[in-house]
């Protein structure tokens, strides 16, 4: 059984990885960081900034993972395209003994 916090984290990751909602999640996260109303208010000495720092680190980690996946998929597609266009050529080699 997952905790509510784990469920929220999984929802955030899955929604961010969906291209249809990705920019809405990023903009919503940035708006939350700028708004004066937080789950934990920013005027509390340590805890006020802690939720913002965790959210920023989560956003950066997930966006970077999405970018890494996109770059690796482009590399795989590019190598697949090159592999399909190459034509196998038969080369005949005659062996010559060295004296």
N, C-alpha and C. Protein backbone atom coordinates (compact mmCIF):
# COMPACT_ATOMS: atom_id res chain seq x y z
N UNK A 1 0.85 -1.18 0.00
CA UNK A 1 0.00 0.00 0.00
C UNK A 1 0.90 1.24 0.00
N UNK A 2 0.59 2.17 -0.87
CA UNK A 2 1.40 3.37 -0.98
C UNK A 2 0.82 4.48 -0.10
N UNK A 3 1.71 5.33 0.34
CA UNK A 3 1.28 6.46 1.15
C UNK A 3 0.69 7.54 0.24
N UNK A 4 -0.07 8.47 0.80
CA UNK A 4 -0.62 9.56 -0.03
C UNK A 4 0.49 10.40 -0.67
N UNK A 5 1.59 10.57 0.04
CA UNK A 5 2.70 11.34 -0.52
C UNK A 5 3.32 10.62 -1.72
N UNK A 6 3.46 9.29 -1.62
CA UNK A 6 3.98 8.50 -2.74
C UNK A 6 3.01 8.54 -3.92
N UNK A 7 1.73 8.49 -3.64
CA UNK A 7 0.72 8.57 -4.70
C UNK A 7 0.77 9.92 -5.41
N UNK A 8 0.94 11.00 -4.65
CA UNK A 8 1.06 12.33 -5.24
C UNK A 8 2.32 12.44 -6.10
N UNK A 9 3.41 11.87 -5.61
CA UNK A 9 4.67 11.86 -6.37
C UNK A 9 4.51 11.09 -7.68
N UNK A 10 3.89 9.92 -7.62
CA UNK A 10 3.69 9.12 -8.84
C UNK A 10 2.79 9.84 -9.84
N UNK A 11 1.73 10.49 -9.33
CA UNK A 11 0.84 11.24 -10.22
C UNK A 11 1.60 12.38 -10.89
N UNK A 12 2.43 13.10 -10.13
CA UNK A 12 3.20 14.21 -10.67
C UNK A 12 4.13 13.74 -11.78
N UNK A 13 4.84 12.64 -11.53
CA UNK A 13 5.77 12.09 -12.54
C UNK A 13 5.03 11.66 -13.80
N UNK A 14 3.93 10.94 -13.64
CA UNK A 14 3.20 10.45 -14.80
C UNK A 14 2.58 11.59 -15.60
N UNK A 15 2.07 12.59 -14.90
CA UNK A 15 1.47 13.72 -15.59
C UNK A 15 2.53 14.54 -16.31
N UNK A 16 3.68 14.69 -15.70
CA UNK A 16 4.77 15.44 -16.33
C UNK A 16 5.31 14.72 -17.56
N UNK A 17 5.27 13.41 -17.56
CA UNK A 17 5.76 12.65 -18.71
C UNK A 17 4.75 12.56 -19.84
N UNK A 18 3.52 12.99 -19.60
CA UNK A 18 2.50 13.02 -20.64
C UNK A 18 2.67 14.31 -21.44
N UNK A 19 2.98 14.23 -22.74
CA UNK A 19 3.23 15.44 -23.52
C UNK A 19 2.04 16.40 -23.56
N UNK A 20 0.85 15.88 -23.40
CA UNK A 20 -0.35 16.73 -23.46
C UNK A 20 -0.42 17.68 -22.26
N UNK A 21 0.03 17.23 -21.10
CA UNK A 21 -0.10 18.01 -19.87
C UNK A 21 1.23 18.55 -19.34
N UNK A 22 2.33 18.24 -20.00
CA UNK A 22 3.66 18.58 -19.48
C UNK A 22 3.81 20.06 -19.18
N UNK A 23 3.47 20.93 -20.13
CA UNK A 23 3.68 22.37 -19.92
C UNK A 23 2.73 22.91 -18.86
N UNK A 24 1.55 22.33 -18.74
CA UNK A 24 0.63 22.79 -17.70
C UNK A 24 1.19 22.47 -16.32
N UNK A 25 1.79 21.31 -16.17
CA UNK A 25 2.38 20.93 -14.87
C UNK A 25 3.58 21.81 -14.56
N UNK A 26 4.41 22.08 -15.56
CA UNK A 26 5.58 22.94 -15.33
C UNK A 26 5.14 24.35 -14.96
N UNK A 27 4.18 24.89 -15.70
CA UNK A 27 3.68 26.24 -15.39
C UNK A 27 2.98 26.29 -14.03
N UNK A 28 2.23 25.25 -13.70
CA UNK A 28 1.58 25.19 -12.39
C UNK A 28 2.57 25.11 -11.25
N UNK A 29 3.64 24.35 -11.45
CA UNK A 29 4.69 24.25 -10.43
C UNK A 29 5.38 25.59 -10.24
N UNK A 30 5.71 26.26 -11.34
CA UNK A 30 6.36 27.57 -11.24
C UNK A 30 5.44 28.60 -10.60
N UNK A 31 4.14 28.54 -10.92
CA UNK A 31 3.18 29.45 -10.30
C UNK A 31 3.08 29.20 -8.80
N UNK A 32 3.11 27.95 -8.40
CA UNK A 32 3.06 27.61 -6.97
C UNK A 32 4.28 28.18 -6.25
N UNK A 33 5.43 28.11 -6.90
CA UNK A 33 6.65 28.62 -6.28
C UNK A 33 6.63 30.13 -6.12
N UNK A 34 5.97 30.84 -7.02
CA UNK A 34 5.93 32.30 -6.99
C UNK A 34 4.82 32.82 -6.08
N UNK A 35 3.74 32.07 -5.96
CA UNK A 35 2.59 32.52 -5.17
C UNK A 35 2.96 32.66 -3.69
N UNK A 36 2.37 33.62 -3.02
CA UNK A 36 2.64 33.76 -1.58
C UNK A 36 1.93 32.71 -0.73
N UNK A 37 0.94 32.03 -1.29
CA UNK A 37 0.20 31.01 -0.55
C UNK A 37 0.80 29.64 -0.83
N UNK A 38 1.33 29.01 0.19
CA UNK A 38 1.93 27.69 0.08
C UNK A 38 1.28 26.75 1.08
N UNK A 39 1.60 25.48 0.94
CA UNK A 39 1.17 24.52 1.95
C UNK A 39 1.82 24.87 3.28
N UNK A 40 3.10 25.17 3.23
CA UNK A 40 3.84 25.65 4.39
C UNK A 40 4.28 27.07 4.06
N UNK A 41 3.80 28.08 4.79
CA UNK A 41 4.13 29.47 4.44
C UNK A 41 5.63 29.74 4.49
N UNK A 42 6.08 30.64 3.60
CA UNK A 42 7.50 30.91 3.48
C UNK A 42 8.07 31.69 4.65
N UNK A 43 7.25 32.33 5.46
CA UNK A 43 7.79 33.10 6.56
C UNK A 43 8.25 32.21 7.73
N UNK A 44 7.93 30.92 7.71
CA UNK A 44 8.47 30.00 8.71
C UNK A 44 9.93 29.75 8.37
N UNK A 45 10.82 29.85 9.36
CA UNK A 45 12.26 29.88 9.08
C UNK A 45 12.80 28.77 8.19
N UNK A 46 12.63 27.52 8.51
CA UNK A 46 13.24 26.46 7.72
C UNK A 46 12.22 25.72 6.87
N UNK A 47 11.10 25.44 7.45
CA UNK A 47 10.10 24.62 6.77
C UNK A 47 9.42 25.34 5.62
N UNK A 48 9.39 26.65 5.67
CA UNK A 48 8.76 27.42 4.61
C UNK A 48 9.49 27.30 3.28
N UNK A 49 10.79 27.25 3.35
CA UNK A 49 11.58 27.10 2.12
C UNK A 49 11.80 25.64 1.75
N UNK A 50 11.62 24.75 2.71
CA UNK A 50 11.88 23.33 2.46
C UNK A 50 10.90 22.75 1.43
N UNK A 51 9.63 23.10 1.53
CA UNK A 51 8.68 22.55 0.54
C UNK A 51 8.95 23.10 -0.85
N UNK A 52 9.36 24.37 -0.93
CA UNK A 52 9.70 24.95 -2.24
C UNK A 52 10.96 24.30 -2.81
N UNK A 53 11.95 24.06 -1.96
CA UNK A 53 13.19 23.43 -2.42
C UNK A 53 12.93 22.01 -2.90
N UNK A 54 12.10 21.28 -2.18
CA UNK A 54 11.77 19.92 -2.62
C UNK A 54 11.02 19.92 -3.95
N UNK A 55 10.13 20.86 -4.11
CA UNK A 55 9.37 20.94 -5.36
C UNK A 55 10.27 21.33 -6.54
N UNK A 56 11.20 22.26 -6.31
CA UNK A 56 12.13 22.65 -7.37
C UNK A 56 13.02 21.47 -7.75
N UNK A 57 13.53 20.74 -6.75
CA UNK A 57 14.39 19.60 -7.06
C UNK A 57 13.62 18.50 -7.80
N UNK A 58 12.37 18.29 -7.41
CA UNK A 58 11.55 17.31 -8.11
C UNK A 58 11.30 17.74 -9.55
N UNK A 59 10.99 18.99 -9.76
CA UNK A 59 10.74 19.49 -11.11
C UNK A 59 11.99 19.37 -11.98
N UNK A 60 13.13 19.78 -11.45
CA UNK A 60 14.38 19.71 -12.23
C UNK A 60 14.73 18.26 -12.54
N UNK A 61 14.58 17.37 -11.57
CA UNK A 61 14.90 15.96 -11.80
C UNK A 61 14.01 15.35 -12.87
N UNK A 62 12.72 15.62 -12.80
CA UNK A 62 11.80 15.01 -13.76
C UNK A 62 11.94 15.60 -15.16
N UNK A 63 12.12 16.91 -15.25
CA UNK A 63 12.29 17.53 -16.58
C UNK A 63 13.59 17.06 -17.21
N UNK A 64 14.65 16.95 -16.41
CA UNK A 64 15.92 16.47 -16.97
C UNK A 64 15.79 15.02 -17.42
N UNK A 65 15.04 14.20 -16.70
CA UNK A 65 14.84 12.82 -17.12
C UNK A 65 14.04 12.74 -18.42
N UNK A 66 13.05 13.60 -18.56
CA UNK A 66 12.27 13.65 -19.81
C UNK A 66 13.18 14.04 -20.97
N UNK A 67 14.06 15.03 -20.75
CA UNK A 67 14.99 15.46 -21.81
C UNK A 67 15.98 14.37 -22.15
N UNK A 68 16.49 13.67 -21.15
CA UNK A 68 17.43 12.57 -21.40
C UNK A 68 16.75 11.47 -22.21
N UNK A 69 15.51 11.13 -21.85
CA UNK A 69 14.78 10.12 -22.61
C UNK A 69 14.55 10.56 -24.06
N UNK A 70 14.24 11.83 -24.25
CA UNK A 70 14.00 12.35 -25.60
C UNK A 70 15.28 12.27 -26.45
N UNK A 71 16.42 12.66 -25.87
CA UNK A 71 17.68 12.63 -26.60
C UNK A 71 18.07 11.19 -26.93
N UNK A 72 17.91 10.29 -25.98
CA UNK A 72 18.27 8.89 -26.26
C UNK A 72 17.34 8.28 -27.31
N UNK A 73 16.06 8.64 -27.30
CA UNK A 73 15.15 8.14 -28.33
C UNK A 73 15.51 8.68 -29.70
N UNK A 74 15.95 9.94 -29.78
CA UNK A 74 16.37 10.50 -31.07
C UNK A 74 17.61 9.78 -31.58
N UNK A 75 18.54 9.46 -30.67
CA UNK A 75 19.75 8.75 -31.08
C UNK A 75 19.40 7.36 -31.60
N UNK A 76 18.50 6.67 -30.93
CA UNK A 76 18.09 5.33 -31.36
C UNK A 76 17.40 5.41 -32.70
N UNK A 77 16.53 6.38 -32.89
CA UNK A 77 15.83 6.52 -34.17
C UNK A 77 16.81 6.88 -35.28
N UNK A 78 17.78 7.71 -34.98
CA UNK A 78 18.76 8.09 -35.98
C UNK A 78 19.62 6.90 -36.39
N UNK A 79 20.05 6.08 -35.44
CA UNK A 79 20.86 4.91 -35.79
C UNK A 79 20.02 3.87 -36.52
N UNK A 80 18.73 3.75 -36.18
CA UNK A 80 17.85 2.83 -36.91
C UNK A 80 17.68 3.27 -38.35
N UNK A 81 17.56 4.58 -38.58
CA UNK A 81 17.43 5.09 -39.94
C UNK A 81 18.69 4.82 -40.74
N UNK A 82 19.84 5.01 -40.12
CA UNK A 82 21.10 4.75 -40.81
C UNK A 82 21.26 3.27 -41.11
N UNK A 83 20.84 2.43 -40.22
CA UNK A 83 20.96 0.98 -40.42
C UNK A 83 20.06 0.53 -41.56
N UNK A 84 18.91 1.15 -41.71
CA UNK A 84 18.00 0.76 -42.78
C UNK A 84 18.48 1.20 -44.15
N UNK A 85 19.23 2.29 -44.24
CA UNK A 85 19.64 2.82 -45.53
C UNK A 85 20.94 2.21 -46.03
N UNK A 86 21.68 1.53 -45.18
CA UNK A 86 22.93 0.95 -45.64
C UNK A 86 22.65 -0.29 -46.48
N UNK A 87 23.46 -0.46 -47.49
CA UNK A 87 23.31 -1.59 -48.39
C UNK A 87 24.52 -2.50 -48.18
N UNK A 88 24.23 -3.75 -47.97
CA UNK A 88 25.33 -4.71 -47.75
C UNK A 88 26.02 -4.97 -49.08
N UNK A 89 27.30 -4.77 -49.09
CA UNK A 89 28.08 -5.02 -50.30
C UNK A 89 29.00 -6.20 -50.05
N UNK A 90 29.16 -6.99 -51.05
CA UNK A 90 30.04 -8.14 -50.94
C UNK A 90 31.42 -7.73 -51.46
N UNK A 91 32.41 -7.99 -50.66
CA UNK A 91 33.78 -7.64 -51.04
C UNK A 91 34.58 -8.93 -51.13
N UNK A 92 35.27 -9.11 -52.25
CA UNK A 92 36.11 -10.27 -52.43
C UNK A 92 37.54 -9.93 -52.11
N UNK A 93 38.17 -10.74 -51.28
CA UNK A 93 39.54 -10.50 -50.88
C UNK A 93 40.37 -11.73 -51.23
N UNK A 94 41.49 -11.50 -51.90
CA UNK A 94 42.39 -12.60 -52.25
C UNK A 94 43.54 -12.58 -51.27
N UNK A 95 43.77 -13.72 -50.66
CA UNK A 95 44.87 -13.83 -49.70
C UNK A 95 46.17 -14.08 -50.44
N UNK A 96 47.19 -13.35 -50.07
CA UNK A 96 48.52 -13.49 -50.66
C UNK A 96 49.48 -13.88 -49.55
N UNK A 97 50.21 -14.97 -49.72
CA UNK A 97 51.15 -15.38 -48.66
C UNK A 97 52.34 -14.42 -48.58
N UNK A 98 52.74 -14.14 -47.35
CA UNK A 98 53.91 -13.30 -47.13
C UNK A 98 55.13 -14.19 -46.99
N UNK A 99 56.19 -13.93 -47.76
CA UNK A 99 57.40 -14.74 -47.69
C UNK A 99 58.40 -14.15 -46.78
